[in-house]
Amino acid sequence: MKDFASRWQKLVTAARQAPPADDGAPYGFATRIAARAWGAPQPALRAVFGRFSVRALWVAGVLMLASMAANYVAFAGGEEDEQGLTDPVSEVLSSS
């Protein structure tokens, strides 16, 4: 136990004598970052339009699938749905 305590005290005194670490950024770091940000080439209008058009295509596809799912009965309607419906053109022609 005494051996551990003496080694621990040696480590603590050595750690206290070490110079403080410099955690700051190097000189001119902020200026370099700002220069890179403002100096970067802007994306072409064509690339931006292409990116947004692809996203709009995905949104339109999702909305189409959602509307088809909401109206599934109208798409998959069978004979029982058509029994209550009448053709207005045939009614007008048969009454004349």
C-alpha atoms as a PDB file:
ATOM      1  CA  MET A   1       0.000   0.000   0.000  1.00  0.00           C
ATOM      2  CA  LYS A   2       2.827   2.369   0.847  1.00  0.00           C
ATOM      3  CA  ASP A   3       4.441   1.688  -2.496  1.00  0.00           C
ATOM      4  CA  PHE A   4       1.260   2.708  -4.342  1.00  0.00           C
ATOM      5  CA  ALA A   5       0.917   5.920  -2.325  1.00  0.00           C
ATOM      6  CA  SER A   6       4.484   7.005  -3.016  1.00  0.00           C
ATOM      7  CA  ARG A   7       4.151   6.315  -6.746  1.00  0.00           C
ATOM      8  CA  TRP A   8       0.860   8.206  -6.799  1.00  0.00           C
ATOM      9  CA  GLN A   9       2.447  11.249  -5.124  1.00  0.00           C
ATOM     10  CA  LYS A  10       5.295  11.247  -7.666  1.00  0.00           C
ATOM     11  CA  LEU A  11       2.766  11.208 -10.532  1.00  0.00           C
ATOM     12  CA  VAL A  12       0.736  14.029  -8.981  1.00  0.00           C
ATOM     13  CA  THR A  13       3.763  16.274  -8.512  1.00  0.00           C
ATOM     14  CA  ALA A  14       4.915  15.587 -12.082  1.00  0.00           C
ATOM     15  CA  ALA A  15       1.441  16.447 -13.406  1.00  0.00           C
ATOM     16  CA  ARG A  16       1.386  19.722 -11.462  1.00  0.00           C
ATOM     17  CA  GLN A  17       4.722  20.778 -12.952  1.00  0.00           C
ATOM     18  CA  ALA A  18       3.625  20.228 -16.559  1.00  0.00           C
ATOM     19  CA  PRO A  19       2.950  23.397 -18.580  1.00  0.00           C
ATOM     20  CA  PRO A  20      -0.743  24.164 -19.247  1.00  0.00           C
ATOM     21  CA  ALA A  21      -2.081  22.929 -22.560  1.00  0.00           C
ATOM     22  CA  ASP A  22      -3.000  25.550 -25.146  1.00  0.00           C
ATOM     23  CA  ASP A  23      -6.500  24.694 -26.356  1.00  0.00           C
ATOM     24  CA  GLY A  24      -6.926  27.839 -28.423  1.00  0.00           C
ATOM     25  CA  ALA A  25      -7.023  27.926 -32.171  1.00  0.00           C
ATOM     26  CA  PRO A  26      -3.814  28.911 -34.019  1.00  0.00           C
ATOM     27  CA  TYR A  27      -3.299  32.492 -35.126  1.00  0.00           C
ATOM     28  CA  GLY A  28      -5.361  33.355 -38.207  1.00  0.00           C
ATOM     29  CA  PHE A  29      -7.553  30.256 -38.004  1.00  0.00           C
ATOM     30  CA  ALA A  30     -10.857  32.165 -38.055  1.00  0.00           C
ATOM     31  CA  THR A  31      -9.666  34.305 -40.958  1.00  0.00           C
ATOM     32  CA  ARG A  32      -8.722  31.242 -43.010  1.00  0.00           C
ATOM     33  CA  ILE A  33     -12.069  29.584 -42.351  1.00  0.00           C
ATOM     34  CA  ALA A  34     -14.005  32.722 -43.305  1.00  0.00           C
ATOM     35  CA  ALA A  35     -11.923  33.133 -46.467  1.00  0.00           C
ATOM     36  CA  ARG A  36     -12.607  29.548 -47.513  1.00  0.00           C
ATOM     37  CA  ALA A  37     -16.336  29.933 -46.869  1.00  0.00           C
ATOM     38  CA  TRP A  38     -16.668  33.118 -48.903  1.00  0.00           C
ATOM     39  CA  GLY A  39     -14.249  32.007 -51.576  1.00  0.00           C
ATOM     40  CA  ALA A  40     -15.905  28.677 -52.313  1.00  0.00           C
ATOM     41  CA  PRO A  41     -17.577  28.491 -55.715  1.00  0.00           C
ATOM     42  CA  GLN A  42     -21.337  28.731 -55.595  1.00  0.00           C
ATOM     43  CA  PRO A  43     -23.286  25.808 -57.050  1.00  0.00           C
ATOM     44  CA  ALA A  44     -24.659  26.412 -60.504  1.00  0.00           C
ATOM     45  CA  LEU A  45     -28.315  27.319 -60.837  1.00  0.00           C
ATOM     46  CA  ARG A  46     -28.802  24.256 -62.989  1.00  0.00           C
ATOM     47  CA  ALA A  47     -27.522  21.953 -60.222  1.00  0.00           C
ATOM     48  CA  VAL A  48     -29.769  23.574 -57.618  1.00  0.00           C
ATOM     49  CA  PHE A  49     -32.783  23.296 -59.924  1.00  0.00           C
ATOM     50  CA  GLY A  50     -31.979  19.641 -60.602  1.00  0.00           C
ATOM     51  CA  ARG A  51     -31.706  18.837 -56.899  1.00  0.00           C
ATOM     52  CA  PHE A  52     -35.042  20.473 -56.090  1.00  0.00           C
ATOM     53  CA  SER A  53     -36.787  18.911 -59.093  1.00  0.00           C
ATOM     54  CA  VAL A  54     -35.746  15.421 -58.001  1.00  0.00           C
ATOM     55  CA  ARG A  55     -37.061  16.131 -54.520  1.00  0.00           C
ATOM     56  CA  ALA A  56     -40.319  17.423 -55.976  1.00  0.00           C
ATOM     57  CA  LEU A  57     -40.604  14.258 -58.049  1.00  0.00           C
ATOM     58  CA  TRP A  58     -40.287  12.133 -54.887  1.00  0.00           C
ATOM     59  CA  VAL A  59     -42.917  14.231 -53.102  1.00  0.00           C
ATOM     60  CA  ALA A  60     -45.284  13.952 -56.073  1.00  0.00           C
ATOM     61  CA  GLY A  61     -44.816  10.176 -56.163  1.00  0.00           C
ATOM     62  CA  VAL A  62     -45.542   9.825 -52.464  1.00  0.00           C
ATOM     63  CA  LEU A  63     -48.649  12.000 -52.783  1.00  0.00           C
ATOM     64  CA  MET A  64     -49.811   9.924 -55.768  1.00  0.00           C
ATOM     65  CA  LEU A  65     -49.437   6.688 -53.821  1.00  0.00           C
ATOM     66  CA  ALA A  66     -51.206   8.177 -50.812  1.00  0.00           C
ATOM     67  CA  SER A  67     -54.147   9.339 -52.926  1.00  0.00           C
ATOM     68  CA  MET A  68     -54.363   5.950 -54.632  1.00  0.00           C
ATOM     69  CA  ALA A  69     -54.390   4.235 -51.242  1.00  0.00           C
ATOM     70  CA  ALA A  70     -57.093   6.594 -49.984  1.00  0.00           C
ATOM     71  CA  ASN A  71     -59.284   5.911 -53.041  1.00  0.00           C
ATOM     72  CA  TYR A  72     -58.575   2.206 -53.366  1.00  0.00           C
ATOM     73  CA  VAL A  73     -62.297   1.355 -53.402  1.00  0.00           C
ATOM     74  CA  ALA A  74     -62.838   3.505 -56.500  1.00  0.00           C
ATOM     75  CA  PHE A  75     -59.944   1.842 -58.326  1.00  0.00           C
ATOM     76  CA  ALA A  76     -60.740  -1.743 -57.357  1.00  0.00           C
ATOM     77  CA  GLY A  77     -64.521  -1.464 -57.502  1.00  0.00           C
ATOM     78  CA  GLY A  78     -66.320  -4.541 -58.760  1.00  0.00           C
ATOM     79  CA  GLU A  79     -69.756  -5.256 -60.192  1.00  0.00           C
ATOM     80  CA  GLU A  80     -71.514  -4.428 -56.949  1.00  0.00           C
ATOM     81  CA  ASP A  81     -70.383  -0.801 -57.196  1.00  0.00           C
ATOM     82  CA  GLU A  82     -71.703  -0.367 -60.737  1.00  0.00           C
ATOM     83  CA  GLN A  83     -75.213  -1.659 -60.000  1.00  0.00           C
ATOM     84  CA  GLY A  84     -76.290   1.584 -58.330  1.00  0.00           C
ATOM     85  CA  LEU A  85     -74.880   3.787 -61.089  1.00  0.00           C
ATOM     86  CA  THR A  86     -76.785   4.681 -64.237  1.00  0.00           C
ATOM     87  CA  ASP A  87     -75.555   6.062 -67.523  1.00  0.00           C
ATOM     88  CA  PRO A  88     -77.037   9.562 -68.012  1.00  0.00           C
ATOM     89  CA  VAL A  89     -76.484   9.497 -71.803  1.00  0.00           C
ATOM     90  CA  SER A  90     -78.436   6.285 -72.235  1.00  0.00           C
ATOM     91  CA  GLU A  91     -81.259   7.670 -70.066  1.00  0.00           C
ATOM     92  CA  VAL A  92     -81.535  10.819 -72.219  1.00  0.00           C
ATOM     93  CA  LEU A  93     -81.467   8.803 -75.457  1.00  0.00           C
ATOM     94  CA  SER A  94     -84.034   6.305 -74.231  1.00  0.00           C
ATOM     95  CA  SER A  95     -86.435   9.037 -73.094  1.00  0.00           C
ATOM     96  CA  SER A  96     -86.473  10.752 -76.494  1.00  0.00           C
END
